[in-house]
């Protein structure tokens, strides 16, 4: 069974990956899709949404003659990630109470 992937969950995962280091689109897509079952056509609009809301910024860098667009988390993005982490811990604690008593 797959749990629903909401935009908040996707945004939080993207911000968490970028909190560790900047990344260009292809590598970021590979990392996120290993974690969540989302397609590139879902991820790139999320990146644009996060950029528009001021949580991400981009810069271009040429490597081996190819231009790559890198994504970097902003100060606002780090604050948003903290909010998401708090919400995650609250939801997880509630679910642990429910699922903790279930026998496997």
N, C-alpha and C. Protein backbone atom coordinates (compact mmCIF):
# COMPACT_ATOMS: atom_id res chain seq x y z
N UNK A 1 0.84 -1.18 0.00
CA UNK A 1 0.00 0.00 0.00
C UNK A 1 0.89 1.24 0.00
N UNK A 2 0.52 2.20 -0.79
CA UNK A 2 1.24 3.47 -0.83
C UNK A 2 0.41 4.53 -0.14
N UNK A 3 1.06 5.28 0.73
CA UNK A 3 0.38 6.39 1.37
C UNK A 3 0.31 7.56 0.40
N UNK A 4 -0.68 8.39 0.57
CA UNK A 4 -0.89 9.54 -0.29
C UNK A 4 0.28 10.50 -0.21
N UNK A 5 0.77 10.92 -1.35
CA UNK A 5 1.82 11.91 -1.40
C UNK A 5 1.17 13.27 -1.62
N UNK A 6 1.18 14.08 -0.58
CA UNK A 6 0.61 15.42 -0.68
C UNK A 6 1.67 16.40 -1.13
N UNK A 7 1.24 17.59 -1.53
CA UNK A 7 2.22 18.59 -1.93
C UNK A 7 3.10 18.98 -0.76
N UNK A 8 2.55 19.02 0.47
CA UNK A 8 3.36 19.36 1.64
C UNK A 8 4.44 18.29 1.88
N UNK A 9 4.08 17.03 1.71
CA UNK A 9 5.07 15.96 1.89
C UNK A 9 6.16 16.05 0.83
N UNK A 10 5.77 16.26 -0.40
CA UNK A 10 6.75 16.40 -1.48
C UNK A 10 7.65 17.61 -1.23
N UNK A 11 7.06 18.73 -0.88
CA UNK A 11 7.85 19.93 -0.60
C UNK A 11 8.84 19.69 0.53
N UNK A 12 8.38 19.02 1.58
CA UNK A 12 9.27 18.79 2.72
C UNK A 12 10.43 17.87 2.35
N UNK A 13 10.17 16.87 1.53
CA UNK A 13 11.24 15.96 1.10
C UNK A 13 12.25 16.71 0.23
N UNK A 14 11.78 17.53 -0.68
CA UNK A 14 12.67 18.31 -1.54
C UNK A 14 13.53 19.24 -0.68
N UNK A 15 12.90 19.94 0.26
CA UNK A 15 13.65 20.85 1.12
C UNK A 15 14.67 20.09 1.97
N UNK A 16 14.30 18.91 2.44
CA UNK A 16 15.22 18.11 3.26
C UNK A 16 16.45 17.70 2.44
N UNK A 17 16.25 17.27 1.20
CA UNK A 17 17.39 16.91 0.35
C UNK A 17 18.28 18.13 0.11
N UNK A 18 17.67 19.27 -0.17
CA UNK A 18 18.45 20.46 -0.49
C UNK A 18 19.05 21.11 0.75
N UNK A 19 18.56 20.76 1.92
CA UNK A 19 19.14 21.28 3.15
C UNK A 19 20.57 20.76 3.34
N UNK A 20 20.84 19.59 2.80
CA UNK A 20 22.17 18.99 2.91
C UNK A 20 23.15 19.56 1.89
N UNK A 21 22.68 19.79 0.67
CA UNK A 21 23.55 20.36 -0.36
C UNK A 21 22.72 20.77 -1.56
N UNK A 22 23.24 21.71 -2.32
CA UNK A 22 22.59 22.11 -3.57
C UNK A 22 22.58 20.93 -4.51
N UNK A 23 21.64 20.94 -5.44
CA UNK A 23 21.56 19.84 -6.39
C UNK A 23 20.95 20.33 -7.69
N UNK A 24 21.35 19.69 -8.77
CA UNK A 24 20.71 20.02 -10.05
C UNK A 24 19.52 19.08 -10.26
N UNK A 25 18.65 19.47 -11.15
CA UNK A 25 17.35 18.83 -11.32
C UNK A 25 17.38 17.32 -11.47
N UNK A 26 18.25 16.80 -12.32
CA UNK A 26 18.25 15.36 -12.57
C UNK A 26 18.59 14.57 -11.31
N UNK A 27 19.64 14.96 -10.60
CA UNK A 27 20.04 14.23 -9.39
C UNK A 27 18.97 14.38 -8.31
N UNK A 28 18.43 15.57 -8.18
CA UNK A 28 17.36 15.78 -7.21
C UNK A 28 16.16 14.89 -7.53
N UNK A 29 15.81 14.81 -8.79
CA UNK A 29 14.70 13.94 -9.21
C UNK A 29 14.99 12.49 -8.86
N UNK A 30 16.21 12.03 -9.12
CA UNK A 30 16.57 10.65 -8.80
C UNK A 30 16.46 10.38 -7.30
N UNK A 31 16.93 11.30 -6.48
CA UNK A 31 16.87 11.12 -5.03
C UNK A 31 15.43 11.13 -4.51
N UNK A 32 14.64 12.05 -4.98
CA UNK A 32 13.26 12.16 -4.50
C UNK A 32 12.45 10.95 -4.94
N UNK A 33 12.62 10.50 -6.18
CA UNK A 33 11.83 9.37 -6.66
C UNK A 33 12.23 8.05 -6.00
N UNK A 34 13.42 8.00 -5.39
CA UNK A 34 13.78 6.82 -4.60
C UNK A 34 13.04 6.82 -3.27
N UNK A 35 12.61 7.99 -2.84
CA UNK A 35 11.94 8.14 -1.55
C UNK A 35 10.42 8.12 -1.70
N UNK A 36 9.92 8.84 -2.67
CA UNK A 36 8.48 8.94 -2.91
C UNK A 36 8.18 8.48 -4.33
N UNK A 37 7.03 7.91 -4.50
CA UNK A 37 6.63 7.49 -5.84
C UNK A 37 5.98 8.67 -6.56
N UNK A 38 6.84 9.52 -7.13
CA UNK A 38 6.38 10.66 -7.91
C UNK A 38 7.14 10.69 -9.22
N UNK A 39 6.54 11.31 -10.20
CA UNK A 39 7.18 11.41 -11.51
C UNK A 39 7.85 12.77 -11.65
N UNK A 40 8.69 12.88 -12.67
CA UNK A 40 9.33 14.16 -12.96
C UNK A 40 8.27 15.22 -13.23
N UNK A 41 7.18 14.82 -13.86
CA UNK A 41 6.14 15.78 -14.19
C UNK A 41 5.42 16.30 -12.94
N UNK A 42 5.61 15.63 -11.82
CA UNK A 42 5.09 16.11 -10.54
C UNK A 42 6.15 16.92 -9.81
N UNK A 43 7.40 16.52 -9.94
CA UNK A 43 8.47 17.16 -9.18
C UNK A 43 8.79 18.56 -9.69
N UNK A 44 8.90 18.75 -10.98
CA UNK A 44 9.31 20.05 -11.49
C UNK A 44 8.31 21.16 -11.16
N UNK A 45 7.00 20.92 -11.21
CA UNK A 45 6.07 21.95 -10.74
C UNK A 45 6.26 22.26 -9.24
N UNK A 46 6.61 21.24 -8.46
CA UNK A 46 6.88 21.46 -7.03
C UNK A 46 8.10 22.36 -6.86
N UNK A 47 9.13 22.13 -7.66
CA UNK A 47 10.32 22.98 -7.59
C UNK A 47 9.98 24.42 -7.95
N UNK A 48 9.17 24.61 -8.97
CA UNK A 48 8.74 25.97 -9.35
C UNK A 48 7.92 26.60 -8.24
N UNK A 49 7.03 25.83 -7.62
CA UNK A 49 6.20 26.33 -6.53
C UNK A 49 7.08 26.76 -5.34
N UNK A 50 8.07 25.94 -5.00
CA UNK A 50 8.96 26.27 -3.89
C UNK A 50 9.82 27.49 -4.22
N UNK A 51 10.19 27.62 -5.46
CA UNK A 51 10.97 28.79 -5.87
C UNK A 51 10.10 30.05 -5.82
N UNK A 52 8.89 29.94 -6.32
CA UNK A 52 7.98 31.09 -6.34
C UNK A 52 7.66 31.57 -4.92
N UNK A 53 7.56 30.63 -3.99
CA UNK A 53 7.24 30.99 -2.61
C UNK A 53 8.47 31.46 -1.81
N UNK A 54 9.63 31.48 -2.46
CA UNK A 54 10.84 31.98 -1.82
C UNK A 54 11.59 30.94 -1.00
N UNK A 55 11.22 29.68 -1.12
CA UNK A 55 11.88 28.62 -0.35
C UNK A 55 13.09 28.03 -1.06
N UNK A 56 13.17 28.24 -2.35
CA UNK A 56 14.30 27.78 -3.17
C UNK A 56 14.76 28.91 -4.06
N UNK A 57 16.02 28.84 -4.46
CA UNK A 57 16.54 29.71 -5.50
C UNK A 57 17.36 28.86 -6.45
N UNK A 58 17.58 29.37 -7.63
CA UNK A 58 18.31 28.60 -8.63
C UNK A 58 19.54 29.39 -9.09
N UNK A 59 20.48 28.65 -9.62
CA UNK A 59 21.62 29.25 -10.31
C UNK A 59 22.08 28.24 -11.35
N UNK A 60 22.68 28.74 -12.40
CA UNK A 60 23.17 27.89 -13.48
C UNK A 60 24.67 27.71 -13.36
N UNK A 61 25.12 26.52 -13.70
CA UNK A 61 26.55 26.22 -13.67
C UNK A 61 26.87 25.32 -14.85
N UNK A 62 27.96 25.62 -15.53
CA UNK A 62 28.38 24.81 -16.67
C UNK A 62 29.35 23.74 -16.19
N UNK A 63 29.05 22.49 -16.57
CA UNK A 63 29.92 21.37 -16.25
C UNK A 63 30.08 20.51 -17.50
N UNK A 64 31.31 20.29 -17.90
CA UNK A 64 31.61 19.50 -19.10
C UNK A 64 30.86 20.02 -20.31
N UNK A 65 30.77 21.32 -20.43
CA UNK A 65 30.12 21.92 -21.58
C UNK A 65 28.60 21.93 -21.53
N UNK A 66 28.04 21.45 -20.43
CA UNK A 66 26.57 21.41 -20.30
C UNK A 66 26.14 22.38 -19.20
N UNK A 67 25.08 23.09 -19.47
CA UNK A 67 24.52 23.99 -18.48
C UNK A 67 23.57 23.23 -17.57
N UNK A 68 23.78 23.34 -16.26
CA UNK A 68 22.90 22.68 -15.30
C UNK A 68 22.29 23.71 -14.39
N UNK A 69 21.00 23.56 -14.15
CA UNK A 69 20.30 24.43 -13.22
C UNK A 69 20.33 23.78 -11.84
N UNK A 70 20.93 24.48 -10.90
CA UNK A 70 21.03 24.01 -9.53
C UNK A 70 19.95 24.67 -8.67
N UNK A 71 19.51 23.92 -7.68
CA UNK A 71 18.53 24.41 -6.72
C UNK A 71 19.20 24.51 -5.36
N UNK A 72 18.89 25.61 -4.65
CA UNK A 72 19.48 25.84 -3.33
C UNK A 72 18.36 26.29 -2.39
N UNK A 73 18.35 25.75 -1.18
CA UNK A 73 17.37 26.13 -0.19
C UNK A 73 17.72 27.53 0.33
N UNK A 74 16.71 28.35 0.57
CA UNK A 74 16.91 29.69 1.09
C UNK A 74 16.72 29.69 2.60
N UNK A 75 16.97 30.83 3.21
CA UNK A 75 16.72 30.97 4.65
C UNK A 75 15.25 30.70 4.95
N UNK A 76 14.36 31.24 4.11
CA UNK A 76 12.93 30.98 4.27
C UNK A 76 12.60 29.50 4.10
N UNK A 77 13.31 28.83 3.20
CA UNK A 77 13.12 27.41 2.98
C UNK A 77 13.54 26.59 4.20
N UNK A 78 14.61 27.03 4.86
CA UNK A 78 15.06 26.34 6.07
C UNK A 78 14.02 26.50 7.19
N UNK A 79 13.41 27.68 7.26
CA UNK A 79 12.35 27.90 8.26
C UNK A 79 11.12 27.02 7.94
N UNK A 80 10.78 26.95 6.65
CA UNK A 80 9.65 26.13 6.24
C UNK A 80 9.93 24.66 6.54
N UNK A 81 11.15 24.21 6.33
CA UNK A 81 11.53 22.84 6.63
C UNK A 81 11.37 22.56 8.13
N UNK A 82 11.74 23.51 8.97
CA UNK A 82 11.56 23.35 10.42
C UNK A 82 10.08 23.18 10.75
N UNK A 83 9.22 23.97 10.10
CA UNK A 83 7.77 23.84 10.30
C UNK A 83 7.30 22.45 9.91
N UNK A 84 7.75 22.00 8.74
CA UNK A 84 7.37 20.66 8.28
C UNK A 84 7.85 19.58 9.25
N UNK A 85 9.05 19.72 9.77
CA UNK A 85 9.58 18.73 10.71
C UNK A 85 8.75 18.68 11.99
N UNK A 86 8.34 19.84 12.47
CA UNK A 86 7.49 19.89 13.66
C UNK A 86 6.15 19.21 13.39
N UNK A 87 5.56 19.51 12.24
CA UNK A 87 4.28 18.89 11.87
C UNK A 87 4.44 17.39 11.71
N UNK A 88 5.56 16.95 11.13
CA UNK A 88 5.83 15.53 10.94
C UNK A 88 5.93 14.82 12.29
N UNK A 89 6.66 15.40 13.22
CA UNK A 89 6.83 14.79 14.54
C UNK A 89 5.48 14.67 15.26
N UNK A 90 4.63 15.68 15.13
CA UNK A 90 3.30 15.64 15.76
C UNK A 90 2.45 14.54 15.13
N UNK A 91 2.43 14.46 13.81
CA UNK A 91 1.65 13.43 13.12
C UNK A 91 2.20 12.04 13.43
N UNK A 92 3.50 11.90 13.43
CA UNK A 92 4.14 10.62 13.71
C UNK A 92 3.81 10.14 15.12
N UNK A 93 3.82 11.04 16.08
CA UNK A 93 3.51 10.67 17.47
C UNK A 93 2.08 10.15 17.57
N UNK A 94 1.16 10.79 16.88
CA UNK A 94 -0.24 10.34 16.89
C UNK A 94 -0.38 8.97 16.23
N UNK A 95 0.28 8.79 15.10
CA UNK A 95 0.20 7.51 14.41
C UNK A 95 0.89 6.39 15.19
N UNK A 96 1.98 6.73 15.86
CA UNK A 96 2.66 5.72 16.70
C UNK A 96 1.74 5.23 17.80
N UNK A 97 0.92 6.12 18.35
CA UNK A 97 -0.04 5.71 19.38
C UNK A 97 -1.04 4.72 18.82
N UNK A 98 -1.49 4.97 17.61
CA UNK A 98 -2.47 4.09 16.98
C UNK A 98 -1.85 2.77 16.55
N UNK A 99 -0.76 2.85 15.79
CA UNK A 99 -0.14 1.66 15.24
C UNK A 99 0.72 0.90 16.23
N UNK A 100 1.12 1.55 17.30
CA UNK A 100 1.99 0.92 18.29
C UNK A 100 1.35 -0.28 18.97
N UNK A 101 0.04 -0.26 19.09
CA UNK A 101 -0.65 -1.37 19.75
C UNK A 101 -1.12 -2.45 18.81
N UNK A 102 -0.86 -2.29 17.53
CA UNK A 102 -1.31 -3.27 16.54
C UNK A 102 -0.28 -4.39 16.46
N UNK A 103 -0.77 -5.63 16.56
CA UNK A 103 0.14 -6.78 16.44
C UNK A 103 0.40 -7.09 14.99
N UNK A 104 1.62 -7.46 14.70
CA UNK A 104 2.01 -7.77 13.31
C UNK A 104 1.67 -9.17 12.95
